PDB file of all heavy atoms in Angstrom:
ATOM      1  N   ALA A   1     162.553  57.617 -14.223  1.00  0.00           N
ATOM      2  CA  ALA A   1     163.422  57.394 -13.053  1.00  0.00           C
ATOM      3  C   ALA A   1     163.109  58.341 -11.897  1.00  0.00           C
ATOM      4  O   ALA A   1     163.701  58.231 -10.823  1.00  0.00           O
ATOM      5  CB  ALA A   1     164.888  57.546 -13.472  1.00  0.00           C
ATOM      6  N   ILE A   2     162.167  59.282 -12.056  1.00  0.00           N
ATOM      7  CA  ILE A   2     161.854  60.275 -11.019  1.00  0.00           C
ATOM      8  C   ILE A   2     160.938  59.668  -9.953  1.00  0.00           C
ATOM      9  O   ILE A   2     159.841  59.205 -10.254  1.00  0.00           O
ATOM     10  CB  ILE A   2     161.172  61.512 -11.628  1.00  0.00           C
ATOM     11  CG1 ILE A   2     162.109  62.222 -12.597  1.00  0.00           C
ATOM     12  CG2 ILE A   2     160.730  62.478 -10.531  1.00  0.00           C
ATOM     13  CD1 ILE A   2     161.445  63.338 -13.388  1.00  0.00           C
ATOM     14  N   THR A   3     161.404  59.663  -8.711  1.00  0.00           N
ATOM     15  CA  THR A   3     160.560  59.248  -7.576  1.00  0.00           C
ATOM     16  C   THR A   3     160.626  60.271  -6.446  1.00  0.00           C
ATOM     17  O   THR A   3     159.803  60.220  -5.534  1.00  0.00           O
ATOM     18  CB  THR A   3     161.008  57.875  -7.030  1.00  0.00           C
ATOM     19  OG1 THR A   3     162.389  57.952  -6.617  1.00  0.00           O
ATOM     20  CG2 THR A   3     160.849  56.786  -8.088  1.00  0.00           C
ATOM     21  N   HIS A   4     161.596  61.169  -6.482  1.00  0.00           N
ATOM     22  CA  HIS A   4     161.837  62.140  -5.414  1.00  0.00           C
ATOM     23  C   HIS A   4     162.202  63.474  -6.070  1.00  0.00           C
ATOM     24  O   HIS A   4     162.800  63.486  -7.157  1.00  0.00           O
ATOM     25  CB  HIS A   4     162.972  61.647  -4.493  1.00  0.00           C
ATOM     26  CG  HIS A   4     163.219  62.518  -3.313  1.00  0.00           C
ATOM     27  ND1 HIS A   4     164.022  63.636  -3.358  1.00  0.00           N
ATOM     28  CD2 HIS A   4     162.761  62.433  -2.031  1.00  0.00           C
ATOM     29  CE1 HIS A   4     164.052  64.203  -2.169  1.00  0.00           C
ATOM     30  NE2 HIS A   4     163.299  63.490  -1.338  1.00  0.00           N
ATOM     31  N   PRO A   5     161.881  64.621  -5.438  1.00  0.00           N
ATOM     32  CA  PRO A   5     162.224  65.908  -6.043  1.00  0.00           C
ATOM     33  C   PRO A   5     163.688  66.038  -6.444  1.00  0.00           C
ATOM     34  O   PRO A   5     164.005  66.666  -7.464  1.00  0.00           O
ATOM     35  CB  PRO A   5     161.838  66.923  -4.958  1.00  0.00           C
ATOM     36  CG  PRO A   5     160.713  66.267  -4.229  1.00  0.00           C
ATOM     37  CD  PRO A   5     161.051  64.805  -4.215  1.00  0.00           C
ATOM     38  N   GLN A   6     164.592  65.450  -5.662  1.00  0.00           N
ATOM     39  CA  GLN A   6     166.005  65.558  -6.007  1.00  0.00           C
ATOM     40  C   GLN A   6     166.389  64.733  -7.230  1.00  0.00           C
ATOM     41  O   GLN A   6     167.483  64.899  -7.780  1.00  0.00           O
ATOM     42  CB  GLN A   6     166.872  65.160  -4.808  1.00  0.00           C
ATOM     43  CG  GLN A   6     166.900  66.209  -3.709  1.00  0.00           C
ATOM     44  CD  GLN A   6     167.356  67.577  -4.232  1.00  0.00           C
ATOM     45  OE1 GLN A   6     168.344  67.691  -4.950  1.00  0.00           O
ATOM     46  NE2 GLN A   6     166.615  68.633  -3.860  1.00  0.00           N
ATOM     47  N   ASP A   7     165.482  63.834  -7.671  1.00  0.00           N
ATOM     48  CA  ASP A   7     165.735  63.101  -8.912  1.00  0.00           C
ATOM     49  C   ASP A   7     165.665  64.022 -10.123  1.00  0.00           C
ATOM     50  O   ASP A   7     166.096  63.644 -11.218  1.00  0.00           O
ATOM     51  CB  ASP A   7     164.719  61.968  -9.075  1.00  0.00           C
ATOM     52  CG  ASP A   7     164.907  60.856  -8.056  1.00  0.00           C
ATOM     53  OD1 ASP A   7     166.041  60.708  -7.558  1.00  0.00           O
ATOM     54  OD2 ASP A   7     163.923  60.158  -7.751  1.00  0.00           O
ATOM     55  N   LEU A   8     165.120  65.228  -9.919  1.00  0.00           N
ATOM     56  CA  LEU A   8     165.094  66.210 -10.998  1.00  0.00           C
ATOM     57  C   LEU A   8     166.476  66.779 -11.291  1.00  0.00           C
ATOM     58  O   LEU A   8     166.750  67.240 -12.399  1.00  0.00           O
ATOM     59  CB  LEU A   8     164.136  67.355 -10.651  1.00  0.00           C
ATOM     60  CG  LEU A   8     162.642  67.008 -10.563  1.00  0.00           C
ATOM     61  CD1 LEU A   8     161.873  68.183  -9.976  1.00  0.00           C
ATOM     62  CD2 LEU A   8     162.104  66.651 -11.941  1.00  0.00           C
ATOM     63  N   ARG A   9     167.335  66.773 -10.272  1.00  0.00           N
ATOM     64  CA  ARG A   9     168.639  67.427 -10.413  1.00  0.00           C
ATOM     65  C   ARG A   9     169.455  66.893 -11.595  1.00  0.00           C
ATOM     66  O   ARG A   9     169.970  67.694 -12.389  1.00  0.00           O
ATOM     67  CB  ARG A   9     169.431  67.305  -9.109  1.00  0.00           C
ATOM     68  CG  ARG A   9     170.793  68.001  -9.156  1.00  0.00           C
ATOM     69  CD  ARG A   9     171.472  67.963  -7.790  1.00  0.00           C
ATOM     70  NE  ARG A   9     170.666  68.717  -6.818  1.00  0.00           N
ATOM     71  CZ  ARG A   9     170.699  70.033  -6.690  1.00  0.00           C
ATOM     72  NH1 ARG A   9     171.498  70.751  -7.484  1.00  0.00           N
ATOM     73  NH2 ARG A   9     169.953  70.629  -5.809  1.00  0.00           N
ATOM     74  N   PRO A  10     169.623  65.564 -11.740  1.00  0.00           N
ATOM     75  CA  PRO A  10     170.416  65.089 -12.890  1.00  0.00           C
ATOM     76  C   PRO A  10     169.840  65.510 -14.237  1.00  0.00           C
ATOM     77  O   PRO A  10     170.570  65.613 -15.235  1.00  0.00           O
ATOM     78  CB  PRO A  10     170.386  63.563 -12.737  1.00  0.00           C
ATOM     79  CG  PRO A  10     170.053  63.315 -11.306  1.00  0.00           C
ATOM     80  CD  PRO A  10     169.167  64.447 -10.888  1.00  0.00           C
ATOM     81  N   LEU A  11     168.521  65.763 -14.277  1.00  0.00           N
ATOM     82  CA  LEU A  11     167.881  66.151 -15.528  1.00  0.00           C
ATOM     83  C   LEU A  11     167.959  67.648 -15.798  1.00  0.00           C
ATOM     84  O   LEU A  11     167.736  68.098 -16.926  1.00  0.00           O
ATOM     85  CB  LEU A  11     166.409  65.730 -15.510  1.00  0.00           C
ATOM     86  CG  LEU A  11     166.145  64.233 -15.332  1.00  0.00           C
ATOM     87  CD1 LEU A  11     164.663  63.979 -15.170  1.00  0.00           C
ATOM     88  CD2 LEU A  11     166.697  63.455 -16.508  1.00  0.00           C
ATOM     89  N   LEU A  12     168.273  68.417 -14.745  1.00  0.00           N
ATOM     90  CA  LEU A  12     168.251  69.881 -14.890  1.00  0.00           C
ATOM     91  C   LEU A  12     169.623  70.532 -14.773  1.00  0.00           C
ATOM     92  O   LEU A  12     169.746  71.734 -14.955  1.00  0.00           O
ATOM     93  CB  LEU A  12     167.324  70.484 -13.814  1.00  0.00           C
ATOM     94  CG  LEU A  12     165.874  70.002 -13.809  1.00  0.00           C
ATOM     95  CD1 LEU A  12     165.098  70.647 -12.662  1.00  0.00           C
ATOM     96  CD2 LEU A  12     165.201  70.305 -15.131  1.00  0.00           C
ATOM     97  N   ILE A  13     170.640  69.747 -14.477  1.00  0.00           N
ATOM     98  CA  ILE A  13     171.935  70.362 -14.178  1.00  0.00           C
ATOM     99  C   ILE A  13     172.743  70.706 -15.427  1.00  0.00           C
ATOM    100  O   ILE A  13     173.618  71.579 -15.392  1.00  0.00           O
ATOM    101  CB  ILE A  13     172.770  69.437 -13.247  1.00  0.00           C
ATOM    102  CG1 ILE A  13     173.861  70.252 -12.559  1.00  0.00           C
ATOM    103  CG2 ILE A  13     173.347  68.266 -14.033  1.00  0.00           C
ATOM    104  CD1 ILE A  13     174.541  69.520 -11.435  1.00  0.00           C
ATOM    105  N   SER A  14     172.444  70.064 -16.562  1.00  0.00           N
ATOM    106  CA  SER A  14     173.222  70.353 -17.771  1.00  0.00           C
ATOM    107  C   SER A  14     172.686  71.609 -18.458  1.00  0.00           C
ATOM    108  O   SER A  14     171.535  72.006 -18.255  1.00  0.00           O
ATOM    109  CB  SER A  14     173.182  69.161 -18.733  1.00  0.00           C
ATOM    110  OG  SER A  14     171.865  68.815 -19.049  1.00  0.00           O
ATOM    111  N   PRO A  15     173.494  72.289 -19.273  1.00  0.00           N
ATOM    112  CA  PRO A  15     173.140  73.594 -19.835  1.00  0.00           C
ATOM    113  C   PRO A  15     171.838  73.593 -20.630  1.00  0.00           C
ATOM    114  O   PRO A  15     171.519  72.640 -21.343  1.00  0.00           O
ATOM    115  CB  PRO A  15     174.330  73.915 -20.736  1.00  0.00           C
ATOM    116  CG  PRO A  15     175.467  73.155 -20.144  1.00  0.00           C
ATOM    117  CD  PRO A  15     174.882  71.889 -19.634  1.00  0.00           C
ATOM    118  N   PHE A  16     171.092  74.687 -20.495  1.00  0.00           N
ATOM    119  CA  PHE A  16     169.870  74.907 -21.265  1.00  0.00           C
ATOM    120  C   PHE A  16     169.556  76.393 -21.247  1.00  0.00           C
ATOM    121  O   PHE A  16     169.711  77.058 -20.224  1.00  0.00           O
ATOM    122  CB  PHE A  16     168.686  74.130 -20.674  1.00  0.00           C
ATOM    123  CG  PHE A  16     167.413  74.282 -21.475  1.00  0.00           C
ATOM    124  CD1 PHE A  16     167.127  73.409 -22.501  1.00  0.00           C
ATOM    125  CD2 PHE A  16     166.518  75.314 -21.209  1.00  0.00           C
ATOM    126  CE1 PHE A  16     165.969  73.537 -23.255  1.00  0.00           C
ATOM    127  CE2 PHE A  16     165.364  75.462 -21.951  1.00  0.00           C
ATOM    128  CZ  PHE A  16     165.085  74.571 -22.987  1.00  0.00           C
ATOM    129  N   THR A  17     169.082  76.885 -22.371  1.00  0.00           N
ATOM    130  CA  THR A  17     168.612  78.264 -22.456  1.00  0.00           C
ATOM    131  C   THR A  17     167.284  78.273 -23.207  1.00  0.00           C
ATOM    132  O   THR A  17     167.199  77.779 -24.329  1.00  0.00           O
ATOM    133  CB  THR A  17     169.620  79.158 -23.200  1.00  0.00           C
ATOM    134  OG1 THR A  17     170.862  79.148 -22.502  1.00  0.00           O
ATOM    135  CG2 THR A  17     169.109  80.586 -23.291  1.00  0.00           C
ATOM    136  N   GLY A  18     166.258  78.818 -22.560  1.00  0.00           N
ATOM    137  CA  GLY A  18     164.939  78.862 -23.169  1.00  0.00           C
ATOM    138  C   GLY A  18     163.892  79.129 -22.102  1.00  0.00           C
ATOM    139  O   GLY A  18     164.201  79.617 -21.009  1.00  0.00           O
ATOM    140  N   SER A  19     162.651  78.791 -22.400  1.00  0.00           N
ATOM    141  CA  SER A  19     161.571  78.993 -21.433  1.00  0.00           C
ATOM    142  C   SER A  19     161.364  77.726 -20.603  1.00  0.00           C
ATOM    143  O   SER A  19     161.846  76.639 -20.967  1.00  0.00           O
ATOM    144  CB  SER A  19     160.270  79.335 -22.155  1.00  0.00           C
ATOM    145  OG  SER A  19     159.793  78.211 -22.885  1.00  0.00           O
ATOM    146  N   LEU A  20     160.640  77.868 -19.503  1.00  0.00           N
ATOM    147  CA  LEU A  20     160.344  76.711 -18.652  1.00  0.00           C
ATOM    148  C   LEU A  20     159.560  75.671 -19.446  1.00  0.00           C
ATOM    149  O   LEU A  20     159.819  74.467 -19.337  1.00  0.00           O
ATOM    150  CB  LEU A  20     159.542  77.153 -17.425  1.00  0.00           C
ATOM    151  CG  LEU A  20     159.064  76.027 -16.498  1.00  0.00           C
ATOM    152  CD1 LEU A  20     160.238  75.224 -15.956  1.00  0.00           C
ATOM    153  CD2 LEU A  20     158.221  76.597 -15.345  1.00  0.00           C
ATOM    154  N   GLY A  21     158.606  76.123 -20.254  1.00  0.00           N
ATOM    155  CA  GLY A  21     157.839  75.181 -21.051  1.00  0.00           C
ATOM    156  C   GLY A  21     158.696  74.414 -22.037  1.00  0.00           C
ATOM    157  O   GLY A  21     158.549  73.196 -22.203  1.00  0.00           O
ATOM    158  N   GLN A  22     159.624  75.108 -22.691  1.00  0.00           N
ATOM    159  CA  GLN A  22     160.526  74.444 -23.630  1.00  0.00           C
ATOM    160  C   GLN A  22     161.420  73.439 -22.912  1.00  0.00           C
ATOM    161  O   GLN A  22     161.682  72.343 -23.419  1.00  0.00           O
ATOM    162  CB  GLN A  22     161.378  75.486 -24.352  1.00  0.00           C
ATOM    163  CG  GLN A  22     160.596  76.349 -25.332  1.00  0.00           C
ATOM    164  CD  GLN A  22     161.409  77.532 -25.829  1.00  0.00           C
ATOM    165  OE1 GLN A  22     162.318  78.018 -25.151  1.00  0.00           O
ATOM    166  NE2 GLN A  22     161.075  78.019 -27.029  1.00  0.00           N
ATOM    167  N   LEU A  23     161.879  73.803 -21.732  1.00  0.00           N
ATOM    168  CA  LEU A  23     162.714  72.896 -20.940  1.00  0.00           C
ATOM    169  C   LEU A  23     161.951  71.632 -20.581  1.00  0.00           C
ATOM    170  O   LEU A  23     162.456  70.517 -20.749  1.00  0.00           O
ATOM    171  CB  LEU A  23     163.192  73.604 -19.667  1.00  0.00           C
ATOM    172  CG  LEU A  23     163.918  72.705 -18.651  1.00  0.00           C
ATOM    173  CD1 LEU A  23     165.274  72.282 -19.193  1.00  0.00           C
ATOM    174  CD2 LEU A  23     164.074  73.404 -17.323  1.00  0.00           C
ATOM    175  N   LEU A  24     160.753  71.794 -20.049  1.00  0.00           N
ATOM    176  CA  LEU A  24     159.971  70.633 -19.624  1.00  0.00           C
ATOM    177  C   LEU A  24     159.659  69.728 -20.812  1.00  0.00           C
ATOM    178  O   LEU A  24     159.734  68.496 -20.705  1.00  0.00           O
ATOM    179  CB  LEU A  24     158.676  71.087 -18.948  1.00  0.00           C
ATOM    180  CG  LEU A  24     158.850  71.821 -17.611  1.00  0.00           C
ATOM    181  CD1 LEU A  24     157.499  72.302 -17.102  1.00  0.00           C
ATOM    182  CD2 LEU A  24     159.525  70.922 -16.581  1.00  0.00           C
ATOM    183  N   ASP A  25     159.328  70.314 -21.947  1.00  0.00           N
ATOM    184  CA  ASP A  25     159.016  69.524 -23.128  1.00  0.00           C
ATOM    185  C   ASP A  25     160.232  68.738 -23.595  1.00  0.00           C
ATOM    186  O   ASP A  25     160.136  67.563 -23.956  1.00  0.00           O
ATOM    187  CB  ASP A  25     158.518  70.449 -24.240  1.00  0.00           C
ATOM    188  CG  ASP A  25     158.156  69.679 -25.495  1.00  0.00           C
ATOM    189  OD1 ASP A  25     157.341  68.738 -25.404  1.00  0.00           O
ATOM    190  OD2 ASP A  25     158.683  70.006 -26.573  1.00  0.00           O
ATOM    191  N   ALA A  26     161.413  69.380 -23.572  1.00  0.00           N
ATOM    192  CA  ALA A  26     162.631  68.731 -24.063  1.00  0.00           C
ATOM    193  C   ALA A  26     163.171  67.694 -23.088  1.00  0.00           C
ATOM    194  O   ALA A  26     163.606  66.616 -23.497  1.00  0.00           O
ATOM    195  CB  ALA A  26     163.709  69.782 -24.343  1.00  0.00           C
ATOM    196  N   ARG A  27     163.167  67.998 -21.799  1.00  0.00           N
ATOM    197  CA  ARG A  27     163.818  67.138 -20.811  1.00  0.00           C
ATOM    198  C   ARG A  27     162.870  66.099 -20.197  1.00  0.00           C
ATOM    199  O   ARG A  27     163.295  64.974 -19.921  1.00  0.00           O
ATOM    200  CB  ARG A  27     164.418  67.990 -19.688  1.00  0.00           C
ATOM    201  CG  ARG A  27     165.464  69.007 -20.142  1.00  0.00           C
ATOM    202  CD  ARG A  27     166.855  68.412 -20.144  1.00  0.00           C
ATOM    203  NE  ARG A  27     167.826  69.315 -20.730  1.00  0.00           N
ATOM    204  CZ  ARG A  27     168.719  70.021 -20.036  1.00  0.00           C
ATOM    205  NH1 ARG A  27     168.747  69.946 -18.720  1.00  0.00           N
ATOM    206  NH2 ARG A  27     169.578  70.798 -20.665  1.00  0.00           N
ATOM    207  N   LEU A  28     161.619  66.484 -19.941  1.00  0.00           N
ATOM    208  CA  LEU A  28     160.692  65.604 -19.229  1.00  0.00           C
ATOM    209  C   LEU A  28     159.516  65.151 -20.084  1.00  0.00           C
ATOM    210  O   LEU A  28     158.800  64.224 -19.706  1.00  0.00           O
ATOM    211  CB  LEU A  28     160.170  66.290 -17.961  1.00  0.00           C
ATOM    212  CG  LEU A  28     161.236  66.759 -16.969  1.00  0.00           C
ATOM    213  CD1 LEU A  28     160.595  67.426 -15.758  1.00  0.00           C
ATOM    214  CD2 LEU A  28     162.095  65.594 -16.521  1.00  0.00           C
ATOM    215  N   GLY A  29     159.267  65.813 -21.196  1.00  0.00           N
ATOM    216  CA  GLY A  29     158.239  65.364 -22.115  1.00  0.00           C
ATOM    217  C   GLY A  29     156.936  66.135 -22.021  1.00  0.00           C
ATOM    218  O   GLY A  29     156.640  66.810 -21.033  1.00  0.00           O
ATOM    219  N   ASP A  30     156.134  65.987 -23.079  1.00  0.00           N
ATOM    220  CA  ASP A  30     154.872  66.714 -23.168  1.00  0.00           C
ATOM    221  C   ASP A  30     153.896  66.367 -22.041  1.00  0.00           C
ATOM    222  O   ASP A  30     153.216  67.267 -21.530  1.00  0.00           O
ATOM    223  CB  ASP A  30     154.225  66.454 -24.532  1.00  0.00           C
ATOM    224  CG  ASP A  30     152.931  67.220 -24.709  1.00  0.00           C
ATOM    225  OD1 ASP A  30     152.992  68.471 -24.733  1.00  0.00           O
ATOM    226  OD2 ASP A  30     151.868  66.579 -24.804  1.00  0.00           O
TER     227      ASP A  30
END
């Protein structure tokens, strides 16, 4: 569903604790 930088917001606004790599793998995929 990502077409614009602000489309990242719904995917990043909920709680997460970890590294950037772990976040990207979990939320956006390998």
